[in-house]
Amino acid sequence: PIRDIRASMGAGFLYALCGEMRTMPGLPTTPAGTKIDIDKKGKVVGLF
């Protein structure tokens, strides 16, 4: 049986949840990898 109907506003559609289904969280608009860099000394920055 369908236990809930949710809207995915960014994608523009509805989806049904049945039984014990779980959803995964959405991704951020900007990937975290864009903040990672290497400074002048060769040290990785922006990783954590």
PDB file of N, CA and C in Angstrom:
ATOM      1  N   PRO A   1       0.821  -1.201   0.000  1.00  0.00           N
ATOM      2  CA  PRO A   1       0.000   0.000   0.000  1.00  0.00           C
ATOM      3  C   PRO A   1       0.866   1.267   0.000  1.00  0.00           C
ATOM      4  N   ILE A   2       0.374   2.294  -0.612  1.00  0.00           N
ATOM      5  CA  ILE A   2       1.062   3.595  -0.637  1.00  0.00           C
ATOM      6  C   ILE A   2       0.832   4.271   0.708  1.00  0.00           C
ATOM      7  N   ARG A   3       1.929   4.650   1.375  1.00  0.00           N
ATOM      8  CA  ARG A   3       1.803   5.283   2.689  1.00  0.00           C
ATOM      9  C   ARG A   3       2.015   6.787   2.655  1.00  0.00           C
ATOM     10  N   ASP A   4       2.597   7.298   1.563  1.00  0.00           N
ATOM     11  CA  ASP A   4       2.837   8.740   1.473  1.00  0.00           C
ATOM     12  C   ASP A   4       3.124   9.111   0.030  1.00  0.00           C
ATOM     13  N   ILE A   5       2.790  10.327  -0.343  1.00  0.00           N
ATOM     14  CA  ILE A   5       3.143  10.871  -1.658  1.00  0.00           C
ATOM     15  C   ILE A   5       3.906  12.158  -1.402  1.00  0.00           C
ATOM     16  N   ARG A   6       5.066  12.266  -2.014  1.00  0.00           N
ATOM     17  CA  ARG A   6       5.916  13.447  -1.808  1.00  0.00           C
ATOM     18  C   ARG A   6       6.205  14.140  -3.127  1.00  0.00           C
ATOM     19  N   ALA A   7       6.518  15.419  -3.021  1.00  0.00           N
ATOM     20  CA  ALA A   7       6.854  16.207  -4.206  1.00  0.00           C
ATOM     21  C   ALA A   7       8.356  16.424  -4.267  1.00  0.00           C
ATOM     22  N   SER A   8       8.924  16.210  -5.428  1.00  0.00           N
ATOM     23  CA  SER A   8      10.317  16.543  -5.682  1.00  0.00           C
ATOM     24  C   SER A   8      10.287  17.836  -6.494  1.00  0.00           C
ATOM     25  N   MET A   9      10.301  18.950  -5.799  1.00  0.00           N
ATOM     26  CA  MET A   9      10.066  20.249  -6.432  1.00  0.00           C
ATOM     27  C   MET A   9      11.125  20.602  -7.474  1.00  0.00           C
ATOM     28  N   GLY A  10      12.374  20.314  -7.187  1.00  0.00           N
ATOM     29  CA  GLY A  10      13.437  20.637  -8.139  1.00  0.00           C
ATOM     30  C   GLY A  10      13.314  19.850  -9.427  1.00  0.00           C
ATOM     31  N   ALA A  11      12.952  18.571  -9.319  1.00  0.00           N
ATOM     32  CA  ALA A  11      12.810  17.713 -10.496  1.00  0.00           C
ATOM     33  C   ALA A  11      11.443  17.885 -11.142  1.00  0.00           C
ATOM     34  N   GLY A  12      10.475  18.373 -10.385  1.00  0.00           N
ATOM     35  CA  GLY A  12       9.149  18.633 -10.928  1.00  0.00           C
ATOM     36  C   GLY A  12       8.253  17.411 -11.039  1.00  0.00           C
ATOM     37  N   PHE A  13       8.327  16.495 -10.071  1.00  0.00           N
ATOM     38  CA  PHE A  13       7.426  15.341 -10.112  1.00  0.00           C
ATOM     39  C   PHE A  13       7.047  14.879  -8.709  1.00  0.00           C
ATOM     40  N   LEU A  14       6.012  14.050  -8.638  1.00  0.00           N
ATOM     41  CA  LEU A  14       5.563  13.433  -7.398  1.00  0.00           C
ATOM     42  C   LEU A  14       6.047  11.996  -7.365  1.00  0.00           C
ATOM     43  N   TYR A  15       6.293  11.471  -6.164  1.00  0.00           N
ATOM     44  CA  TYR A  15       6.646  10.056  -6.049  1.00  0.00           C
ATOM     45  C   TYR A  15       5.956   9.461  -4.828  1.00  0.00           C
ATOM     46  N   ALA A  16       5.630   8.190  -4.944  1.00  0.00           N
ATOM     47  CA  ALA A  16       4.919   7.485  -3.876  1.00  0.00           C
ATOM     48  C   ALA A  16       5.897   6.667  -3.042  1.00  0.00           C
ATOM     49  N   LEU A  17       5.653   6.627  -1.730  1.00  0.00           N
ATOM     50  CA  LEU A  17       6.421   5.776  -0.824  1.00  0.00           C
ATOM     51  C   LEU A  17       5.524   4.620  -0.403  1.00  0.00           C
ATOM     52  N   CYS A  18       6.044   3.405  -0.554  1.00  0.00           N
ATOM     53  CA  CYS A  18       5.280   2.203  -0.226  1.00  0.00           C
ATOM     54  C   CYS A  18       5.991   1.423   0.869  1.00  0.00           C
ATOM     55  N   GLY A  19       5.232   0.833   1.770  1.00  0.00           N
ATOM     56  CA  GLY A  19       5.792  -0.033   2.806  1.00  0.00           C
ATOM     57  C   GLY A  19       6.887   0.641   3.607  1.00  0.00           C
ATOM     58  N   GLU A  20       8.056   0.013   3.642  1.00  0.00           N
ATOM     59  CA  GLU A  20       9.188   0.506   4.439  1.00  0.00           C
ATOM     60  C   GLU A  20      10.226   1.248   3.602  1.00  0.00           C
ATOM     61  N   MET A  21       9.840   1.766   2.455  1.00  0.00           N
ATOM     62  CA  MET A  21      10.787   2.492   1.595  1.00  0.00           C
ATOM     63  C   MET A  21      11.358   3.695   2.329  1.00  0.00           C
ATOM     64  N   ARG A  22      12.637   3.975   2.072  1.00  0.00           N
ATOM     65  CA  ARG A  22      13.302   5.149   2.635  1.00  0.00           C
ATOM     66  C   ARG A  22      13.876   5.965   1.490  1.00  0.00           C
ATOM     67  N   THR A  23      14.044   7.242   1.728  1.00  0.00           N
ATOM     68  CA  THR A  23      14.616   8.113   0.702  1.00  0.00           C
ATOM     69  C   THR A  23      15.994   8.581   1.136  1.00  0.00           C
ATOM     70  N   MET A  24      16.798   8.959   0.166  1.00  0.00           N
ATOM     71  CA  MET A  24      18.123   9.502   0.445  1.00  0.00           C
ATOM     72  C   MET A  24      18.042  11.025   0.386  1.00  0.00           C
ATOM     73  N   PRO A  25      18.873  11.715   1.167  1.00  0.00           N
ATOM     74  CA  PRO A  25      18.849  13.175   1.120  1.00  0.00           C
ATOM     75  C   PRO A  25      19.324  13.686  -0.236  1.00  0.00           C
ATOM     76  N   GLY A  26      18.874  14.851  -0.601  1.00  0.00           N
ATOM     77  CA  GLY A  26      19.277  15.452  -1.863  1.00  0.00           C
ATOM     78  C   GLY A  26      20.706  15.963  -1.818  1.00  0.00           C
ATOM     79  N   LEU A  27      21.238  16.262  -2.952  1.00  0.00           N
ATOM     80  CA  LEU A  27      22.596  16.788  -3.051  1.00  0.00           C
ATOM     81  C   LEU A  27      22.572  18.311  -2.981  1.00  0.00           C
ATOM     82  N   PRO A  28      23.653  18.927  -2.504  1.00  0.00           N
ATOM     83  CA  PRO A  28      23.711  20.387  -2.461  1.00  0.00           C
ATOM     84  C   PRO A  28      23.791  20.964  -3.874  1.00  0.00           C
ATOM     85  N   THR A  29      23.460  22.222  -4.017  1.00  0.00           N
ATOM     86  CA  THR A  29      23.515  22.855  -5.336  1.00  0.00           C
ATOM     87  C   THR A  29      24.944  23.016  -5.830  1.00  0.00           C
ATOM     88  N   THR A  30      25.894  23.176  -4.903  1.00  0.00           N
ATOM     89  CA  THR A  30      27.310  23.283  -5.265  1.00  0.00           C
ATOM     90  C   THR A  30      28.059  22.089  -4.678  1.00  0.00           C
ATOM     91  N   PRO A  31      28.709  21.266  -5.500  1.00  0.00           N
ATOM     92  CA  PRO A  31      29.445  20.114  -4.979  1.00  0.00           C
ATOM     93  C   PRO A  31      30.574  20.539  -4.030  1.00  0.00           C
ATOM     94  N   ALA A  32      30.795  19.760  -2.974  1.00  0.00           N
ATOM     95  CA  ALA A  32      31.835  20.073  -1.991  1.00  0.00           C
ATOM     96  C   ALA A  32      33.225  20.057  -2.621  1.00  0.00           C
ATOM     97  N   GLY A  33      33.408  19.310  -3.698  1.00  0.00           N
ATOM     98  CA  GLY A  33      34.704  19.220  -4.360  1.00  0.00           C
ATOM     99  C   GLY A  33      35.181  20.534  -4.952  1.00  0.00           C
ATOM    100  N   THR A  34      34.278  21.467  -5.170  1.00  0.00           N
ATOM    101  CA  THR A  34      34.683  22.759  -5.728  1.00  0.00           C
ATOM    102  C   THR A  34      35.440  23.610  -4.711  1.00  0.00           C
ATOM    103  N   LYS A  35      35.381  23.241  -3.431  1.00  0.00           N
ATOM    104  CA  LYS A  35      36.058  24.006  -2.380  1.00  0.00           C
ATOM    105  C   LYS A  35      37.432  23.435  -2.031  1.00  0.00           C
ATOM    106  N   ILE A  36      37.810  22.318  -2.642  1.00  0.00           N
ATOM    107  CA  ILE A  36      39.099  21.682  -2.351  1.00  0.00           C
ATOM    108  C   ILE A  36      40.166  22.252  -3.274  1.00  0.00           C
ATOM    109  N   ASP A  37      41.342  22.536  -2.708  1.00  0.00           N
ATOM    110  CA  ASP A  37      42.425  23.119  -3.497  1.00  0.00           C
ATOM    111  C   ASP A  37      43.761  22.728  -2.860  1.00  0.00           C
ATOM    112  N   ILE A  38      44.823  23.103  -3.506  1.00  0.00           N
ATOM    113  CA  ILE A  38      46.176  22.894  -2.983  1.00  0.00           C
ATOM    114  C   ILE A  38      46.833  24.261  -2.877  1.00  0.00           C
ATOM    115  N   ASP A  39      47.354  24.577  -1.667  1.00  0.00           N
ATOM    116  CA  ASP A  39      47.982  25.890  -1.499  1.00  0.00           C
ATOM    117  C   ASP A  39      49.401  25.891  -2.074  1.00  0.00           C
ATOM    118  N   LYS A  40      50.088  27.018  -1.934  1.00  0.00           N
ATOM    119  CA  LYS A  40      51.425  27.177  -2.519  1.00  0.00           C
ATOM    120  C   LYS A  40      52.459  26.222  -1.931  1.00  0.00           C
ATOM    121  N   LYS A  41      52.216  25.744  -0.717  1.00  0.00           N
ATOM    122  CA  LYS A  41      53.147  24.813  -0.067  1.00  0.00           C
ATOM    123  C   LYS A  41      52.825  23.353  -0.387  1.00  0.00           C
ATOM    124  N   GLY A  42      51.784  23.112  -1.191  1.00  0.00           N
ATOM    125  CA  GLY A  42      51.402  21.749  -1.555  1.00  0.00           C
ATOM    126  C   GLY A  42      50.447  21.090  -0.578  1.00  0.00           C
ATOM    127  N   LYS A  43      49.918  21.880   0.354  1.00  0.00           N
ATOM    128  CA  LYS A  43      48.987  21.356   1.349  1.00  0.00           C
ATOM    129  C   LYS A  43      47.557  21.406   0.806  1.00  0.00           C
ATOM    130  N   VAL A  44      46.808  20.323   1.019  1.00  0.00           N
ATOM    131  CA  VAL A  44      45.412  20.279   0.590  1.00  0.00           C
ATOM    132  C   VAL A  44      44.586  21.127   1.549  1.00  0.00           C
ATOM    133  N   VAL A  45      43.782  22.030   1.023  1.00  0.00           N
ATOM    134  CA  VAL A  45      42.918  22.891   1.837  1.00  0.00           C
ATOM    135  C   VAL A  45      41.465  22.724   1.393  1.00  0.00           C
ATOM    136  N   GLY A  46      40.545  22.940   2.326  1.00  0.00           N
ATOM    137  CA  GLY A  46      39.125  22.871   2.017  1.00  0.00           C
ATOM    138  C   GLY A  46      38.539  21.475   2.029  1.00  0.00           C
ATOM    139  N   LEU A  47      39.324  20.483   2.465  1.00  0.00           N
ATOM    140  CA  LEU A  47      38.838  19.112   2.475  1.00  0.00           C
ATOM    141  C   LEU A  47      37.927  18.858   3.668  1.00  0.00           C
ATOM    142  N   PHE A  48      38.295  19.393   4.837  1.00  0.00           N
ATOM    143  CA  PHE A  48      37.485  19.195   6.040  1.00  0.00           C
ATOM    144  C   PHE A  48      37.151  20.509   6.678  1.00  0.00           C
TER     145      PHE A  48
END
